[in-house]
Amino acid sequence: MADTPLPKLPPNVDNYRPIDLFGVGAYNNLDEPKPWSNDAATLKIVTILFLALSWTFVTLRLYIRLRTVRSAGWDDLFVFLYLIAGSVGSISFIVSVDYGAGQHMILLTMGELRTYLILFYLMNGFFNLGSAFIKLSLLFQYLRIFQRGTWIWRATVAVICAVSVWGFTFSFMAFVPCSRGPQFNPLGKDPGTTCWAYGSNNPDVFTTTFNAHTVMNMVFDLVILLLPFQLYLGNKTTTTNKNKMRLGLLALLFMGALVNFLSIWRLQTIFEHKTGWYPTHDPTWYGPISILLGVLEINAASICASVPIFWPVVAPYLGSIFVTHEVSVQVVEYRDLEDGGTGTTNTSGGGDKKQLHHQRSDSEIRLNPLPFSADRKEGGGNNSDKSVLNEETARIVAPPVVDAQEARVDRWFDDEFAGFQGRPRREGRRGATRGWGRCRAGCEATACVGRTSGTRYENITTIIR
């Protein structure tokens, strides 16, 4: 429209619709059934729901990193930047529903169409930023795990550089689409203004820009999904429990596959309607499905980036939501060791103290497997009256032999959750060293995992209310 002479326009043109000024056009799509993705309530509810989930998961992640672990990094900075950019883009999309998103463009007034173009400018620019920020957050998170100098570490750095260039280039083209700034006049651009990429009036240029960004976005999503799975496929998979780590990686694979599915679906809708130019130019009618899938994609990616950070801290508390009391049933047998373990107690001798053997039940072994509980004094007895525990009661597990890559993963998990578990953190890490007092009590079950002199032990304390 900008390259052809415009007809004489009536005054107060903002109150007129394009159909009143220019007619229907060569192709009439007004009789097409309204798709589910154009329903105003659906667009708003789905966007608000996923935005709320993204805020919840990212906030939990940042709380754990900043308050509990106190080990924030570049990945946390980029996930915070994503949260700002993604929120602006999502809110712009929600508001755009009231100004034409999901409706036929020719049925909107010129004023509504101008407002929609402003909101689309914000959506497009901030979604491009958000897509780059969330990918950088995931990649910097990988650098905290991979051993510096290994091929996987170098590959991650290379992908970070590529994503940075990609994100900056397309974000710049989105925020600076024309030589004289963004143009929001639905009837054409200002005289002497040159526009490119997202601001071009050429359908082929406009569509190619969107297709290039979406294809590269999908490729980067796939690469980021596959990078950590060399841990799953190799021998350097876990820290202490190989099967448990593999299950966690499979869960992340499932969530990452969902992100890639949304990316592929979005690419298909863009190709199908040529970003709103096919079968006729109606971006407010054909575009909402692509925008909605973009919203879901970056919000799902933020959830994938946040779950591994806070889940190990939140998981021990989930059982207490449903369990209010736990009862331990014990069977205790006392034997007189002086009588050779016959089961009888010699009462002669007037108050002579006996050597007693305390046989613990399975439930007691499960709840209190302390390697140092063999030295705990029985109430009212002297040092010789300590209970003698068998090998099943004291579980002392020697740490497996690990290589440099597995040790790197192991140290990362230790530092991530040292504050929650109550263990002193390694020297050289940011934040104050924590003592054992930070292991919290008052819940039904609290797990504290620690190290001492080449030995790993567990102390599970159950508090019955």
Protein backbone atom coordinates (compact mmCIF):
# COMPACT_ATOMS: atom_id res chain seq x y z
CA MET A 1 0.00 0.00 0.00
CA ALA A 2 2.86 2.36 0.69
CA ASP A 3 4.24 2.20 -2.88
CA THR A 4 0.94 3.03 -4.62
CA PRO A 5 -0.97 6.32 -4.54
CA LEU A 6 -3.53 6.36 -1.76
CA PRO A 7 -7.13 7.36 -2.48
CA LYS A 8 -8.52 10.51 -1.02
CA LEU A 9 -9.16 9.72 2.63
CA PRO A 10 -12.09 11.03 4.64
CA PRO A 11 -11.49 13.04 7.83
CA ASN A 12 -11.11 11.10 11.07
CA VAL A 13 -9.76 8.15 9.13
CA ASP A 14 -9.06 6.29 12.39
CA ASN A 15 -12.79 5.59 12.68
CA TYR A 16 -12.93 3.90 9.26
CA ARG A 17 -12.19 0.29 8.45
CA PRO A 18 -9.97 -0.89 5.58
CA ILE A 19 -12.96 -2.69 4.07
CA ASP A 20 -14.78 0.64 3.89
CA LEU A 21 -11.83 2.32 2.19
CA PHE A 22 -10.42 -0.38 -0.07
CA GLY A 23 -13.04 -3.13 -0.27
CA VAL A 24 -12.55 -6.85 0.30
CA GLY A 25 -9.72 -7.53 -2.12
CA ALA A 26 -8.99 -10.34 -4.54
CA TYR A 27 -9.56 -13.11 -2.01
CA ASN A 28 -12.43 -13.07 0.45
CA ASN A 29 -11.64 -15.00 3.63
CA LEU A 30 -14.47 -13.56 5.74
CA ASP A 31 -16.39 -16.84 5.51
CA GLU A 32 -13.56 -18.97 6.91
CA PRO A 33 -14.45 -20.72 10.20
CA LYS A 34 -12.82 -19.18 13.23
CA PRO A 35 -9.98 -21.42 14.51
CA TRP A 36 -9.51 -22.17 18.19
CA SER A 37 -6.32 -20.13 18.20
CA ASN A 38 -8.26 -16.98 17.32
CA ASP A 39 -10.62 -17.18 20.26
CA ALA A 40 -9.97 -14.19 22.52
CA ALA A 41 -10.54 -16.08 25.78
CA THR A 42 -8.24 -18.94 24.71
CA LEU A 43 -5.43 -16.57 23.75
CA LYS A 44 -5.61 -14.68 27.03
CA ILE A 45 -6.04 -17.67 29.38
CA VAL A 46 -3.27 -19.79 27.84
CA THR A 47 -0.83 -16.88 27.74
CA ILE A 48 -1.56 -15.81 31.32
CA LEU A 49 -1.30 -19.41 32.57
CA PHE A 50 2.11 -20.05 31.02
CA LEU A 51 3.40 -16.64 32.01
CA ALA A 52 2.38 -17.33 35.63
CA LEU A 53 4.10 -20.74 35.51
CA SER A 54 7.23 -19.15 34.11
CA TRP A 55 7.30 -16.53 36.86
CA THR A 56 6.77 -19.21 39.53
CA PHE A 57 9.54 -21.52 38.32
CA VAL A 58 12.06 -18.78 37.58
CA THR A 59 11.38 -17.08 40.93
CA LEU A 60 11.98 -20.36 42.78
CA ARG A 61 15.20 -20.85 40.85
CA LEU A 62 16.49 -17.36 41.63
CA TYR A 63 15.53 -17.72 45.31
CA ILE A 64 17.50 -20.94 45.63
CA ARG A 65 20.52 -19.50 43.86
CA LEU A 66 20.52 -16.10 45.61
CA ARG A 67 19.25 -16.91 49.11
CA THR A 68 19.81 -20.59 49.82
CA VAL A 69 22.92 -21.51 47.84
CA ARG A 70 24.25 -17.99 47.29
CA SER A 71 26.04 -19.06 44.14
CA ALA A 72 24.54 -16.93 41.37
CA GLY A 73 26.13 -16.92 37.94
CA TRP A 74 25.71 -15.68 34.39
CA ASP A 75 22.93 -18.21 33.81
CA ASP A 76 20.86 -16.55 36.54
CA LEU A 77 21.43 -13.11 35.03
CA PHE A 78 20.19 -14.23 31.63
CA VAL A 79 17.17 -16.04 33.03
CA PHE A 80 16.25 -12.82 34.86
CA LEU A 81 16.63 -10.83 31.62
CA TYR A 82 14.44 -13.39 29.90
CA LEU A 83 11.80 -12.96 32.58
CA ILE A 84 11.63 -9.22 31.89
CA ALA A 85 11.67 -9.53 28.09
CA GLY A 86 9.24 -12.46 28.02
CA SER A 87 6.83 -10.68 30.33
CA VAL A 88 6.77 -7.53 28.18
CA GLY A 89 6.18 -9.61 25.05
CA SER A 90 3.46 -11.73 26.65
CA ILE A 91 1.62 -8.72 28.12
CA SER A 92 1.77 -6.97 24.73
CA PHE A 93 0.20 -10.05 23.13
CA ILE A 94 -2.56 -10.19 25.75
CA VAL A 95 -3.39 -6.52 25.18
CA SER A 96 -3.31 -6.97 21.39
CA VAL A 97 -6.28 -9.36 21.63
CA ASP A 98 -8.45 -6.33 22.47
CA TYR A 99 -7.10 -4.48 19.41
CA GLY A 100 -7.59 -7.01 16.67
CA ALA A 101 -5.55 -10.17 17.27
CA GLY A 102 -7.73 -13.06 16.12
CA GLN A 103 -9.99 -10.86 13.95
CA HIS A 104 -9.95 -9.98 10.27
CA MET A 105 -7.74 -7.00 9.59
CA ILE A 106 -10.15 -5.33 7.18
CA LEU A 107 -12.86 -5.29 9.88
CA LEU A 108 -10.72 -3.27 12.31
CA THR A 109 -10.74 0.49 12.45
CA MET A 110 -7.61 2.35 11.43
CA GLY A 111 -7.09 3.39 15.04
CA GLU A 112 -7.26 -0.23 16.26
CA LEU A 113 -4.93 -1.32 13.49
CA ARG A 114 -2.37 1.34 14.39
CA THR A 115 -2.44 0.24 18.05
CA TYR A 116 -2.05 -3.39 16.98
CA LEU A 117 1.05 -2.51 14.94
CA ILE A 118 2.61 -0.85 18.01
CA LEU A 119 1.86 -3.91 20.16
CA PHE A 120 3.17 -6.25 17.46
CA TYR A 121 6.40 -4.22 17.34
CA LEU A 122 6.85 -4.77 21.09
CA MET A 123 5.90 -8.46 20.88
CA ASN A 124 8.30 -9.21 18.06
CA GLY A 125 11.26 -7.35 19.53
CA PHE A 126 10.98 -8.66 23.08
CA PHE A 127 10.23 -12.23 22.00
CA ASN A 128 13.43 -12.19 19.95
CA LEU A 129 15.33 -10.97 23.02
CA GLY A 130 13.63 -13.50 25.28
CA SER A 131 14.45 -16.40 22.95
CA ALA A 132 18.14 -15.45 22.98
CA PHE A 133 18.28 -14.83 26.75
CA ILE A 134 16.75 -18.18 27.73
CA LYS A 135 19.11 -20.07 25.42
CA LEU A 136 22.12 -18.24 26.85
CA SER A 137 20.92 -19.06 30.37
CA LEU A 138 20.82 -22.78 29.58
CA LEU A 139 24.23 -22.71 27.90
CA PHE A 140 25.92 -20.86 30.78
CA GLN A 141 24.30 -23.36 33.11
CA TYR A 142 26.05 -26.13 31.15
CA LEU A 143 29.40 -24.42 31.65
CA ARG A 144 28.98 -24.84 35.41
CA ILE A 145 28.90 -28.62 34.92
CA PHE A 146 31.23 -29.42 32.02
CA GLN A 147 34.94 -29.72 32.69
CA ARG A 148 36.85 -26.70 31.36
CA GLY A 149 38.97 -27.55 28.35
CA THR A 150 37.00 -30.62 27.24
CA TRP A 151 35.46 -30.81 23.79
CA ILE A 152 31.93 -30.49 25.17
CA TRP A 153 32.95 -27.34 27.08
CA ARG A 154 34.45 -25.81 23.92
CA ALA A 155 31.34 -26.77 21.92
CA THR A 156 29.15 -25.02 24.48
CA VAL A 157 31.25 -21.85 24.25
CA ALA A 158 30.94 -21.94 20.45
CA VAL A 159 27.16 -22.28 20.67
CA ILE A 160 27.07 -19.35 23.12
CA CYS A 161 28.87 -17.17 20.57
CA ALA A 162 26.52 -18.26 17.77
CA VAL A 163 23.38 -17.66 19.85
CA SER A 164 24.67 -14.23 20.91
CA VAL A 165 25.21 -13.14 17.29
CA TRP A 166 21.85 -14.57 16.23
CA GLY A 167 19.97 -12.92 19.08
CA PHE A 168 21.62 -9.51 18.62
CA THR A 169 21.11 -9.47 14.83
CA PHE A 170 17.43 -10.34 14.79
CA SER A 171 16.62 -8.23 17.84
CA PHE A 172 18.25 -5.22 16.19
CA MET A 173 16.23 -5.78 13.00
CA ALA A 174 13.07 -6.08 15.08
CA PHE A 175 13.62 -2.88 17.08
CA VAL A 176 15.10 -0.88 14.17
CA PRO A 177 13.05 -1.98 11.14
CA CYS A 178 13.33 1.29 9.19
CA SER A 179 15.85 4.04 8.60
CA ARG A 180 13.62 6.57 10.39
CA GLY A 181 12.52 4.32 13.21
CA PRO A 182 9.46 2.08 13.43
CA GLN A 183 6.50 2.97 11.22
CA PHE A 184 3.04 2.44 12.66
CA ASN A 185 0.91 4.02 9.96
CA PRO A 186 -1.25 1.23 8.49
CA LEU A 187 -1.64 3.23 5.28
CA GLY A 188 2.06 3.46 4.51
CA LYS A 189 5.48 4.63 5.62
CA ASP A 190 6.81 8.17 5.73
CA PRO A 191 8.26 9.54 2.47
CA GLY A 192 11.95 8.84 2.07
CA THR A 193 11.96 6.02 4.63
CA THR A 194 13.73 2.76 3.83
CA CYS A 195 12.59 -0.36 5.65
CA TRP A 196 14.07 -3.84 5.79
CA ALA A 197 13.54 -7.27 7.34
CA TYR A 198 10.58 -7.03 9.76
CA GLY A 199 9.65 -3.58 8.48
CA SER A 200 9.58 -4.42 4.78
CA ASN A 201 6.38 -4.14 2.77
CA ASN A 202 7.69 -6.82 0.43
CA PRO A 203 5.96 -10.10 1.37
CA ASP A 204 8.96 -12.20 0.32
CA VAL A 205 11.45 -10.20 2.42
CA PHE A 206 9.14 -10.09 5.43
CA THR A 207 8.39 -13.83 5.23
CA THR A 208 12.04 -14.80 4.68
CA THR A 209 13.06 -12.86 7.79
CA PHE A 210 10.55 -14.69 9.96
CA ASN A 211 11.42 -18.06 8.44
CA ALA A 212 15.16 -17.56 8.96
CA HIS A 213 14.71 -16.61 12.60
CA THR A 214 12.37 -19.52 13.30
CA VAL A 215 14.54 -22.13 11.56
CA MET A 216 17.67 -21.00 13.42
CA ASN A 217 15.69 -20.93 16.65
CA MET A 218 14.64 -24.53 16.10
CA VAL A 219 18.21 -25.64 15.31
CA PHE A 220 19.58 -23.97 18.45
CA ASP A 221 16.85 -25.61 20.54
CA LEU A 222 17.87 -29.01 19.22
CA VAL A 223 21.58 -28.41 19.83
CA ILE A 224 20.95 -27.19 23.39
CA LEU A 225 18.80 -30.25 24.03
CA LEU A 226 21.50 -32.69 22.87
CA LEU A 227 24.56 -31.09 24.48
CA PRO A 228 24.18 -32.51 28.02
CA PHE A 229 23.32 -36.02 26.86
CA GLN A 230 26.90 -37.04 26.37
CA LEU A 231 26.69 -37.43 30.16
CA TYR A 232 23.82 -39.86 29.72
CA LEU A 233 25.42 -41.91 26.96
CA GLY A 234 28.90 -42.13 28.46
CA ASN A 235 30.38 -43.42 31.69
CA LYS A 236 30.52 -39.91 33.13
CA THR A 237 26.85 -39.85 33.81
CA THR A 238 26.29 -39.41 37.49
CA THR A 239 27.63 -38.20 40.78
CA THR A 240 26.58 -40.94 43.18
CA ASN A 241 23.56 -42.66 41.66
CA LYS A 242 23.80 -43.42 37.95
CA ASN A 243 20.20 -44.57 37.51
CA LYS A 244 18.81 -41.56 39.36
CA MET A 245 20.80 -39.13 37.21
CA ARG A 246 19.70 -40.85 34.04
CA LEU A 247 16.07 -40.58 35.06
CA GLY A 248 16.59 -36.86 35.66
CA LEU A 249 18.18 -36.44 32.25
CA LEU A 250 15.30 -38.31 30.64
CA ALA A 251 12.86 -35.95 32.34
CA LEU A 252 14.80 -32.98 30.95
CA LEU A 253 14.82 -34.68 27.54
CA PHE A 254 11.04 -34.91 27.67
CA MET A 255 10.66 -31.21 28.54
CA GLY A 256 13.23 -30.22 25.94
CA ALA A 257 11.41 -32.31 23.34
CA LEU A 258 8.24 -30.38 24.16
CA VAL A 259 10.05 -27.10 23.50
CA ASN A 260 11.32 -28.44 20.16
CA PHE A 261 7.84 -29.69 19.24
CA LEU A 262 6.40 -26.21 19.82
CA SER A 263 9.22 -24.70 17.74
CA ILE A 264 8.55 -27.07 14.82
CA TRP A 265 4.79 -26.47 15.03
CA ARG A 266 5.37 -22.72 14.99
CA LEU A 267 7.59 -23.04 11.92
CA GLN A 268 4.87 -25.03 10.14
CA THR A 269 2.24 -22.32 10.76
CA ILE A 270 4.60 -19.61 9.50
CA PHE A 271 5.27 -21.54 6.29
CA GLU A 272 1.59 -22.34 5.83
CA HIS A 273 0.36 -18.74 5.85
CA LYS A 274 3.60 -16.98 4.90
CA THR A 275 3.49 -14.90 8.10
CA GLY A 276 0.00 -13.65 7.36
CA TRP A 277 0.35 -12.97 3.62
CA TYR A 278 -1.29 -16.13 2.27
CA PRO A 279 -3.90 -16.73 0.93
CA THR A 280 -4.46 -13.01 1.48
CA HIS A 281 -2.80 -10.30 3.57
CA ASP A 282 -4.53 -10.77 6.93
CA PRO A 283 -1.87 -10.95 9.69
CA THR A 284 -4.35 -10.40 12.53
CA TRP A 285 -6.30 -13.48 11.38
CA TYR A 286 -3.49 -15.87 10.41
CA GLY A 287 -0.81 -14.69 12.84
CA PRO A 288 -2.13 -15.42 16.38
CA ILE A 289 -1.37 -19.16 16.22
CA SER A 290 2.31 -18.49 15.46
CA ILE A 291 2.57 -15.85 18.18
CA LEU A 292 0.86 -18.07 20.75
CA LEU A 293 3.22 -20.98 20.00
CA GLY A 294 6.17 -18.61 20.38
CA VAL A 295 4.87 -17.57 23.81
CA LEU A 296 4.47 -21.19 24.90
CA GLU A 297 7.91 -22.11 23.57
CA ILE A 298 9.95 -19.56 25.51
CA ASN A 299 7.90 -20.06 28.69
CA ALA A 300 8.40 -23.83 28.50
CA ALA A 301 12.13 -23.27 27.93
CA SER A 302 12.30 -21.14 31.09
CA ILE A 303 10.68 -23.98 33.05
CA CYS A 304 13.26 -26.44 31.67
CA ALA A 305 16.05 -24.09 32.74
CA SER A 306 14.66 -23.66 36.27
CA VAL A 307 13.49 -27.12 37.36
CA PRO A 308 16.97 -28.69 37.78
CA ILE A 309 17.99 -25.83 40.11
CA PHE A 310 15.20 -25.86 42.69
CA TRP A 311 13.73 -29.37 42.41
CA PRO A 312 16.32 -31.16 44.61
CA VAL A 313 15.63 -28.58 47.32
CA VAL A 314 11.83 -28.69 47.10
CA ALA A 315 11.43 -32.46 46.63
CA PRO A 316 12.16 -33.49 50.28
CA TYR A 317 9.30 -31.26 51.47
CA LEU A 318 6.68 -32.67 49.11
CA GLY A 319 6.15 -35.80 51.21
CA SER A 320 5.28 -33.73 54.26
CA ILE A 321 2.28 -32.31 52.41
CA PHE A 322 0.55 -35.68 52.61
CA VAL A 323 2.21 -37.35 55.65
CA THR A 324 1.26 -35.89 59.02
CA HIS A 325 2.40 -38.69 61.35
CA GLU A 326 4.87 -41.51 60.99
CA VAL A 327 4.91 -44.35 63.47
CA SER A 328 7.94 -46.58 63.97
CA VAL A 329 7.15 -50.08 65.26
CA GLN A 330 10.12 -51.67 67.03
CA VAL A 331 10.79 -55.13 68.39
CA VAL A 332 13.54 -55.07 71.01
CA GLU A 333 15.17 -58.18 72.44
CA TYR A 334 17.49 -57.98 75.48
CA ARG A 335 20.01 -60.73 76.12
CA ASP A 336 22.32 -61.23 79.04
CA LEU A 337 25.74 -61.53 77.46
CA GLU A 338 27.16 -62.90 80.73
CA ASP A 339 24.81 -65.88 80.48
CA GLY A 340 25.95 -66.63 76.96
CA GLY A 341 22.93 -65.10 75.21
CA THR A 342 20.39 -67.55 76.60
CA GLY A 343 17.65 -64.94 76.74
CA THR A 344 17.43 -64.97 80.56
CA THR A 345 18.50 -62.17 82.87
CA ASN A 346 20.50 -62.93 85.99
CA THR A 347 19.00 -60.89 88.81
CA SER A 348 21.41 -62.02 91.49
CA GLY A 349 24.19 -59.84 92.67
CA GLY A 350 22.02 -56.99 93.84
CA GLY A 351 21.97 -54.34 91.15
CA ASP A 352 25.00 -55.42 89.14
CA LYS A 353 24.85 -53.79 85.72
CA LYS A 354 24.55 -56.11 82.77
CA GLN A 355 26.06 -56.03 79.28
CA LEU A 356 23.01 -55.73 77.07
CA HIS A 357 22.65 -56.29 73.34
CA HIS A 358 20.15 -54.07 71.52
CA GLN A 359 18.64 -55.77 68.47
CA ARG A 360 17.10 -53.08 66.21
CA SER A 361 14.12 -53.55 63.95
CA ASP A 362 14.11 -52.92 60.20
CA SER A 363 12.09 -49.72 60.61
CA GLU A 364 14.60 -48.32 63.08
CA ILE A 365 17.49 -49.18 60.80
CA ARG A 366 15.78 -47.38 57.94
CA LEU A 367 15.09 -44.23 59.90
CA ASN A 368 18.43 -43.80 61.70
CA PRO A 369 21.30 -45.41 59.76
CA LEU A 370 24.07 -43.42 61.47
CA PRO A 371 27.60 -44.75 61.23
CA PHE A 372 28.46 -42.86 64.42
CA SER A 373 25.35 -43.96 66.37
CA ALA A 374 27.28 -46.98 67.64
CA ASP A 375 29.07 -44.58 69.93
CA ARG A 376 25.90 -43.02 71.28
CA LYS A 377 25.42 -43.61 75.01
CA GLU A 378 22.26 -45.36 76.14
CA GLY A 379 20.24 -43.30 78.60
CA GLY A 380 21.34 -43.82 82.21
CA GLY A 381 24.31 -46.12 81.42
CA ASN A 382 28.06 -45.68 81.53
CA ASN A 383 30.48 -45.91 78.63
CA SER A 384 30.36 -49.72 78.66
CA ASP A 385 26.59 -49.70 78.32
CA LYS A 386 26.50 -48.50 74.71
CA SER A 387 24.38 -50.30 72.20
CA VAL A 388 26.28 -52.49 69.74
CA LEU A 389 24.99 -52.06 66.21
CA ASN A 390 25.31 -54.62 63.49
CA GLU A 391 26.58 -53.93 59.98
CA GLU A 392 23.09 -53.31 58.60
CA THR A 393 22.51 -50.48 61.07
CA ALA A 394 25.59 -48.45 60.11
CA ARG A 395 25.66 -47.83 56.36
CA ILE A 396 29.03 -46.45 55.41
CA VAL A 397 29.36 -46.22 51.66
CA ALA A 398 32.81 -45.60 50.22
CA PRO A 399 32.74 -43.11 47.36
CA PRO A 400 33.22 -44.66 43.93
CA VAL A 401 36.30 -43.97 41.87
CA VAL A 402 35.47 -41.04 39.61
CA ASP A 403 37.25 -39.33 36.77
CA ALA A 404 37.66 -35.60 36.25
CA GLN A 405 34.36 -35.11 34.38
CA GLU A 406 32.28 -36.98 36.97
CA ALA A 407 34.07 -35.21 39.78
CA ARG A 408 33.20 -31.90 38.13
CA VAL A 409 29.51 -32.85 38.07
CA ASP A 410 29.76 -34.10 41.65
CA ARG A 411 31.29 -30.85 42.92
CA TRP A 412 28.63 -28.84 41.10
CA PHE A 413 25.82 -30.73 42.81
CA ASP A 414 27.58 -30.41 46.16
CA ASP A 415 27.92 -26.64 45.81
CA GLU A 416 24.39 -26.16 44.47
CA PHE A 417 22.71 -27.69 47.49
CA ALA A 418 25.27 -27.31 50.26
CA GLY A 419 23.31 -24.51 51.89
CA PHE A 420 20.10 -26.54 52.00
CA GLN A 421 21.74 -29.73 53.18
CA GLY A 422 23.58 -27.98 55.98
CA ARG A 423 27.10 -28.84 54.84
CA PRO A 424 30.05 -26.48 54.78
CA ARG A 425 30.63 -25.32 51.23
CA ARG A 426 33.97 -25.70 49.48
CA GLU A 427 36.52 -22.98 49.96
CA GLY A 428 36.83 -20.55 47.10
CA ARG A 429 33.11 -20.38 46.34
CA ARG A 430 31.18 -17.17 46.75
CA GLY A 431 29.15 -16.72 49.93
CA ALA A 432 29.78 -17.43 53.58
CA THR A 433 30.64 -20.95 54.70
CA ARG A 434 27.69 -22.67 56.30
CA GLY A 435 27.75 -24.95 59.30
CA TRP A 436 25.66 -27.95 60.20
CA GLY A 437 23.12 -25.74 61.94
CA ARG A 438 21.50 -24.81 58.63
CA CYS A 439 20.00 -28.29 58.28
CA ARG A 440 16.42 -27.48 59.07
CA ALA A 441 14.22 -29.24 61.60
CA GLY A 442 10.51 -29.09 62.23
CA CYS A 443 9.33 -30.91 59.13
CA GLU A 444 8.37 -34.55 58.99
CA ALA A 445 11.52 -35.62 57.18
CA THR A 446 14.76 -33.76 56.65
CA ALA A 447 17.69 -35.20 54.74
CA CYS A 448 21.26 -34.08 55.34
CA VAL A 449 24.02 -35.49 53.20
CA GLY A 450 27.65 -34.85 54.01
CA ARG A 451 31.22 -35.97 53.58
CA THR A 452 33.94 -36.86 56.03
CA SER A 453 37.46 -38.29 55.46
CA GLY A 454 36.70 -40.07 52.20
CA THR A 455 33.41 -41.47 53.51
CA ARG A 456 29.88 -40.53 52.46
CA TYR A 457 27.13 -41.04 54.97
CA GLU A 458 23.46 -40.21 55.36
CA ASN A 459 21.57 -39.09 58.40
CA ILE A 460 17.81 -39.23 58.05
CA THR A 461 16.07 -37.71 61.03
CA THR A 462 12.35 -38.30 61.41
CA ILE A 463 10.43 -36.00 63.72
CA ILE A 464 7.02 -37.33 64.78
CA ARG A 465 4.55 -34.70 65.79
